[in-house]
Amino acid sequence: MRDEEGPAVGEGHVTGLDVAYDDERDLVAAAAVVLDARTLDVVEEATAVGRVSFPYVPGLLAFRELPTVLAALDALTADPGLLVCDGYGLAHPRRFGLASHLGVLTGRPSIGVAKNPFTFTYEQPGSVRGASARSWPGARRWAGPCAPRPG
């Protein structure tokens, strides 16, 4: 997270991002909707469709979704402002979920709002750069309806 001032409350844009899969055709579709932060009026919408280029691996969905989400963002002509995506940010077990990836790759502020809890447990990664963690399918880490976190 950056230590810099953002826009004043109610100024600028907020962009919601989400994806959907067509498993039969091996496609992923991404949508980006830009809202005016003050009025919540829709400023612009964009979509992108692409081939799924990364296998399904729990905890690594960002690698499946990012290429198409970035294509949808690139299709926008309006400044997207704050990015809000369906996924985790810093609350990810590996401390770097979809919202974090989006923030780094776009240079924009990002927030992940996960509607589904993780369904596996994990060991905390070590504090040394490059440390990794093991995960175990089947256990729940968090059980609330939604978990907004900064990217």
C-alpha atoms as a PDB file:
ATOM      1  CA  MET A   1       0.000   0.000   0.000  1.00  0.00           C
ATOM      2  CA  ARG A   2       1.222   3.429  -0.838  1.00  0.00           C
ATOM      3  CA  ASP A   3       1.514   6.324   1.576  1.00  0.00           C
ATOM      4  CA  GLU A   4       0.036   8.900  -0.751  1.00  0.00           C
ATOM      5  CA  GLU A   5      -3.149  10.889  -0.865  1.00  0.00           C
ATOM      6  CA  GLY A   6      -5.927   9.629  -3.093  1.00  0.00           C
ATOM      7  CA  PRO A   7      -8.766  11.660  -4.515  1.00  0.00           C
ATOM      8  CA  ALA A   8     -11.120  13.440  -2.162  1.00  0.00           C
ATOM      9  CA  VAL A   9     -14.112  11.412  -1.015  1.00  0.00           C
ATOM     10  CA  GLY A  10     -16.684  11.224  -3.790  1.00  0.00           C
ATOM     11  CA  GLU A  11     -14.294  12.327  -6.541  1.00  0.00           C
ATOM     12  CA  GLY A  12     -12.903  10.366  -9.436  1.00  0.00           C
ATOM     13  CA  HIS A  13     -13.927   6.945 -10.688  1.00  0.00           C
ATOM     14  CA  VAL A  14     -14.358   3.468  -9.243  1.00  0.00           C
ATOM     15  CA  THR A  15     -14.177   0.462 -11.563  1.00  0.00           C
ATOM     16  CA  GLY A  16     -15.735  -2.889 -10.746  1.00  0.00           C
ATOM     17  CA  LEU A  17     -14.130  -5.970 -12.321  1.00  0.00           C
ATOM     18  CA  ASP A  18     -15.324  -9.560 -12.546  1.00  0.00           C
ATOM     19  CA  VAL A  19     -14.938 -12.644 -14.720  1.00  0.00           C
ATOM     20  CA  ALA A  20     -17.085 -15.546 -15.869  1.00  0.00           C
ATOM     21  CA  TYR A  21     -16.040 -18.859 -17.390  1.00  0.00           C
ATOM     22  CA  ASP A  22     -17.427 -20.904 -20.270  1.00  0.00           C
ATOM     23  CA  ASP A  23     -15.920 -24.278 -19.385  1.00  0.00           C
ATOM     24  CA  GLU A  24     -17.347 -26.041 -22.453  1.00  0.00           C
ATOM     25  CA  ARG A  25     -15.489 -23.716 -24.812  1.00  0.00           C
ATOM     26  CA  ASP A  26     -12.505 -23.042 -22.498  1.00  0.00           C
ATOM     27  CA  LEU A  27     -13.194 -19.285 -22.468  1.00  0.00           C
ATOM     28  CA  VAL A  28     -13.014 -16.592 -19.815  1.00  0.00           C
ATOM     29  CA  ALA A  29     -14.910 -13.289 -20.100  1.00  0.00           C
ATOM     30  CA  ALA A  30     -14.065 -10.181 -18.091  1.00  0.00           C
ATOM     31  CA  ALA A  31     -16.185  -7.092 -17.508  1.00  0.00           C
ATOM     32  CA  ALA A  32     -15.123  -3.634 -16.326  1.00  0.00           C
ATOM     33  CA  VAL A  33     -17.710  -1.040 -15.282  1.00  0.00           C
ATOM     34  CA  VAL A  34     -16.511   2.488 -14.487  1.00  0.00           C
ATOM     35  CA  LEU A  35     -18.670   4.468 -12.050  1.00  0.00           C
ATOM     36  CA  ASP A  36     -18.559   8.120 -11.084  1.00  0.00           C
ATOM     37  CA  ALA A  37     -17.570   7.991  -7.396  1.00  0.00           C
ATOM     38  CA  ARG A  38     -19.957  10.786  -6.400  1.00  0.00           C
ATOM     39  CA  THR A  39     -23.135   9.871  -8.299  1.00  0.00           C
ATOM     40  CA  LEU A  40     -22.478   6.151  -8.949  1.00  0.00           C
ATOM     41  CA  ASP A  41     -23.590   6.765 -12.542  1.00  0.00           C
ATOM     42  CA  VAL A  42     -22.099   4.402 -15.097  1.00  0.00           C
ATOM     43  CA  VAL A  43     -19.381   6.237 -17.022  1.00  0.00           C
ATOM     44  CA  GLU A  44     -18.253   3.381 -19.279  1.00  0.00           C
ATOM     45  CA  GLU A  45     -18.396  -0.391 -19.680  1.00  0.00           C
ATOM     46  CA  ALA A  46     -15.962  -2.744 -21.411  1.00  0.00           C
ATOM     47  CA  THR A  47     -15.655  -6.485 -21.849  1.00  0.00           C
ATOM     48  CA  ALA A  48     -13.007  -8.874 -23.100  1.00  0.00           C
ATOM     49  CA  VAL A  49     -13.070 -12.572 -23.921  1.00  0.00           C
ATOM     50  CA  GLY A  50     -10.066 -14.863 -24.095  1.00  0.00           C
ATOM     51  CA  ARG A  51      -8.940 -18.451 -23.866  1.00  0.00           C
ATOM     52  CA  VAL A  52      -8.214 -19.872 -20.433  1.00  0.00           C
ATOM     53  CA  SER A  53      -4.416 -19.912 -20.446  1.00  0.00           C
ATOM     54  CA  PHE A  54      -3.644 -21.290 -16.973  1.00  0.00           C
ATOM     55  CA  PRO A  55      -4.988 -24.442 -15.302  1.00  0.00           C
ATOM     56  CA  TYR A  56      -7.353 -24.252 -12.332  1.00  0.00           C
ATOM     57  CA  VAL A  57      -5.197 -24.253  -9.187  1.00  0.00           C
ATOM     58  CA  PRO A  58      -6.853 -23.174  -5.903  1.00  0.00           C
ATOM     59  CA  GLY A  59      -5.154 -20.007  -4.669  1.00  0.00           C
ATOM     60  CA  LEU A  60      -3.717 -19.123  -8.095  1.00  0.00           C
ATOM     61  CA  LEU A  61      -6.841 -17.836  -9.865  1.00  0.00           C
ATOM     62  CA  ALA A  62      -5.150 -14.500 -10.582  1.00  0.00           C
ATOM     63  CA  PHE A  63      -3.033 -16.218 -13.228  1.00  0.00           C
ATOM     64  CA  ARG A  64      -6.196 -17.499 -14.983  1.00  0.00           C
ATOM     65  CA  GLU A  65      -8.048 -14.195 -14.780  1.00  0.00           C
ATOM     66  CA  LEU A  66      -5.457 -11.439 -15.160  1.00  0.00           C
ATOM     67  CA  PRO A  67      -4.898 -11.508 -18.949  1.00  0.00           C
ATOM     68  CA  THR A  68      -8.599 -11.051 -19.697  1.00  0.00           C
ATOM     69  CA  VAL A  69      -9.190  -8.559 -16.873  1.00  0.00           C
ATOM     70  CA  LEU A  70      -6.279  -6.457 -18.141  1.00  0.00           C
ATOM     71  CA  ALA A  71      -7.704  -6.628 -21.688  1.00  0.00           C
ATOM     72  CA  ALA A  72     -11.050  -5.310 -20.406  1.00  0.00           C
ATOM     73  CA  LEU A  73      -9.244  -2.484 -18.587  1.00  0.00           C
ATOM     74  CA  ASP A  74      -7.254  -1.674 -21.741  1.00  0.00           C
ATOM     75  CA  ALA A  75     -10.513  -1.357 -23.695  1.00  0.00           C
ATOM     76  CA  LEU A  76     -11.667   1.524 -21.459  1.00  0.00           C
ATOM     77  CA  THR A  77     -11.246   5.113 -22.617  1.00  0.00           C
ATOM     78  CA  ALA A  78     -12.191   6.620 -19.230  1.00  0.00           C
ATOM     79  CA  ASP A  79      -9.735   6.743 -16.328  1.00  0.00           C
ATOM     80  CA  PRO A  80     -10.694   3.694 -14.225  1.00  0.00           C
ATOM     81  CA  GLY A  81      -9.574   5.211 -10.896  1.00  0.00           C
ATOM     82  CA  LEU A  82      -9.896   2.765  -7.994  1.00  0.00           C
ATOM     83  CA  LEU A  83     -10.117  -0.905  -9.046  1.00  0.00           C
ATOM     84  CA  VAL A  84     -12.509  -3.159  -7.126  1.00  0.00           C
ATOM     85  CA  CYS A  85     -12.312  -6.836  -8.050  1.00  0.00           C
ATOM     86  CA  ASP A  86     -13.893 -10.112  -7.030  1.00  0.00           C
ATOM     87  CA  GLY A  87     -10.903 -11.655  -5.301  1.00  0.00           C
ATOM     88  CA  TYR A  88      -8.433 -11.284  -2.481  1.00  0.00           C
ATOM     89  CA  GLY A  89      -5.555  -8.848  -2.094  1.00  0.00           C
ATOM     90  CA  LEU A  90      -3.279  -8.944   0.931  1.00  0.00           C
ATOM     91  CA  ALA A  91      -5.637 -11.326   2.769  1.00  0.00           C
ATOM     92  CA  HIS A  92      -4.684 -14.062   0.288  1.00  0.00           C
ATOM     93  CA  PRO A  93      -2.849 -17.000   1.929  1.00  0.00           C
ATOM     94  CA  ARG A  94       0.188 -16.199  -0.221  1.00  0.00           C
ATOM     95  CA  ARG A  95      -0.254 -12.500   0.696  1.00  0.00           C
ATOM     96  CA  PHE A  96      -0.732 -11.508  -2.946  1.00  0.00           C
ATOM     97  CA  GLY A  97      -4.105 -12.190  -4.552  1.00  0.00           C
ATOM     98  CA  LEU A  98      -5.801 -10.839  -7.673  1.00  0.00           C
ATOM     99  CA  ALA A  99      -6.293  -7.349  -6.223  1.00  0.00           C
ATOM    100  CA  SER A 100      -2.582  -7.131  -5.395  1.00  0.00           C
ATOM    101  CA  HIS A 101      -1.583  -8.269  -8.880  1.00  0.00           C
ATOM    102  CA  LEU A 102      -3.917  -5.696 -10.455  1.00  0.00           C
ATOM    103  CA  GLY A 103      -2.515  -2.898  -8.301  1.00  0.00           C
ATOM    104  CA  VAL A 104       1.069  -3.725  -9.205  1.00  0.00           C
ATOM    105  CA  LEU A 105       0.476  -4.315 -12.918  1.00  0.00           C
ATOM    106  CA  THR A 106      -1.679  -1.204 -13.434  1.00  0.00           C
ATOM    107  CA  GLY A 107      -0.092   1.142 -10.883  1.00  0.00           C
ATOM    108  CA  ARG A 108      -3.606   1.889  -9.593  1.00  0.00           C
ATOM    109  CA  PRO A 109      -5.161   1.533  -6.141  1.00  0.00           C
ATOM    110  CA  SER A 110      -7.038  -1.751  -5.867  1.00  0.00           C
ATOM    111  CA  ILE A 111      -9.358  -3.471  -3.429  1.00  0.00           C
ATOM    112  CA  GLY A 112     -10.338  -7.115  -3.431  1.00  0.00           C
ATOM    113  CA  VAL A 113     -13.845  -8.022  -2.282  1.00  0.00           C
ATOM    114  CA  ALA A 114     -14.047 -11.798  -2.034  1.00  0.00           C
ATOM    115  CA  LYS A 115     -17.506 -13.316  -1.970  1.00  0.00           C
ATOM    116  CA  ASN A 116     -16.205 -16.838  -1.357  1.00  0.00           C
ATOM    117  CA  PRO A 117     -13.994 -17.895   1.545  1.00  0.00           C
ATOM    118  CA  PHE A 118     -10.837 -19.849   0.924  1.00  0.00           C
ATOM    119  CA  THR A 119     -11.510 -23.552   1.191  1.00  0.00           C
ATOM    120  CA  PHE A 120      -8.067 -24.602   2.269  1.00  0.00           C
ATOM    121  CA  THR A 121      -5.729 -23.900   5.144  1.00  0.00           C
ATOM    122  CA  TYR A 122      -2.103 -22.939   4.819  1.00  0.00           C
ATOM    123  CA  GLU A 123       1.115 -22.335   6.650  1.00  0.00           C
ATOM    124  CA  GLN A 124       2.193 -18.711   6.891  1.00  0.00           C
ATOM    125  CA  PRO A 125       4.990 -17.980   4.408  1.00  0.00           C
ATOM    126  CA  GLY A 126       8.311 -17.214   6.022  1.00  0.00           C
ATOM    127  CA  SER A 127       9.437 -13.602   6.305  1.00  0.00           C
ATOM    128  CA  VAL A 128      12.380 -14.138   3.942  1.00  0.00           C
ATOM    129  CA  ARG A 129      11.792 -12.937   0.380  1.00  0.00           C
ATOM    130  CA  GLY A 130      10.776 -15.834  -1.846  1.00  0.00           C
ATOM    131  CA  ALA A 131       9.503 -17.997   1.015  1.00  0.00           C
ATOM    132  CA  SER A 132       6.585 -20.279   0.173  1.00  0.00           C
ATOM    133  CA  ALA A 133       3.782 -21.957   2.083  1.00  0.00           C
ATOM    134  CA  ARG A 134       1.971 -25.291   1.813  1.00  0.00           C
ATOM    135  CA  SER A 135      -1.815 -25.449   1.664  1.00  0.00           C
ATOM    136  CA  TRP A 136      -4.329 -28.180   2.493  1.00  0.00           C
ATOM    137  CA  PRO A 137      -7.653 -28.460   0.640  1.00  0.00           C
ATOM    138  CA  GLY A 138     -10.869 -28.852   2.594  1.00  0.00           C
ATOM    139  CA  ALA A 139     -10.497 -26.462   5.533  1.00  0.00           C
ATOM    140  CA  ARG A 140     -12.059 -22.995   5.784  1.00  0.00           C
ATOM    141  CA  ARG A 141      -9.995 -20.018   6.851  1.00  0.00           C
ATOM    142  CA  TRP A 142     -12.808 -17.451   6.957  1.00  0.00           C
ATOM    143  CA  ALA A 143     -16.558 -17.883   6.873  1.00  0.00           C
ATOM    144  CA  GLY A 144     -18.178 -14.454   6.422  1.00  0.00           C
ATOM    145  CA  PRO A 145     -20.293 -13.300   3.464  1.00  0.00           C
ATOM    146  CA  CYS A 146     -17.660 -10.899   2.058  1.00  0.00           C
ATOM    147  CA  ALA A 147     -14.109  -9.837   2.870  1.00  0.00           C
ATOM    148  CA  PRO A 148     -13.015  -6.446   1.452  1.00  0.00           C
ATOM    149  CA  ARG A 149      -9.248  -5.965   1.644  1.00  0.00           C
ATOM    150  CA  PRO A 150      -6.774  -3.525   0.102  1.00  0.00           C
ATOM    151  CA  GLY A 151      -4.822  -4.857  -2.850  1.00  0.00           C
END
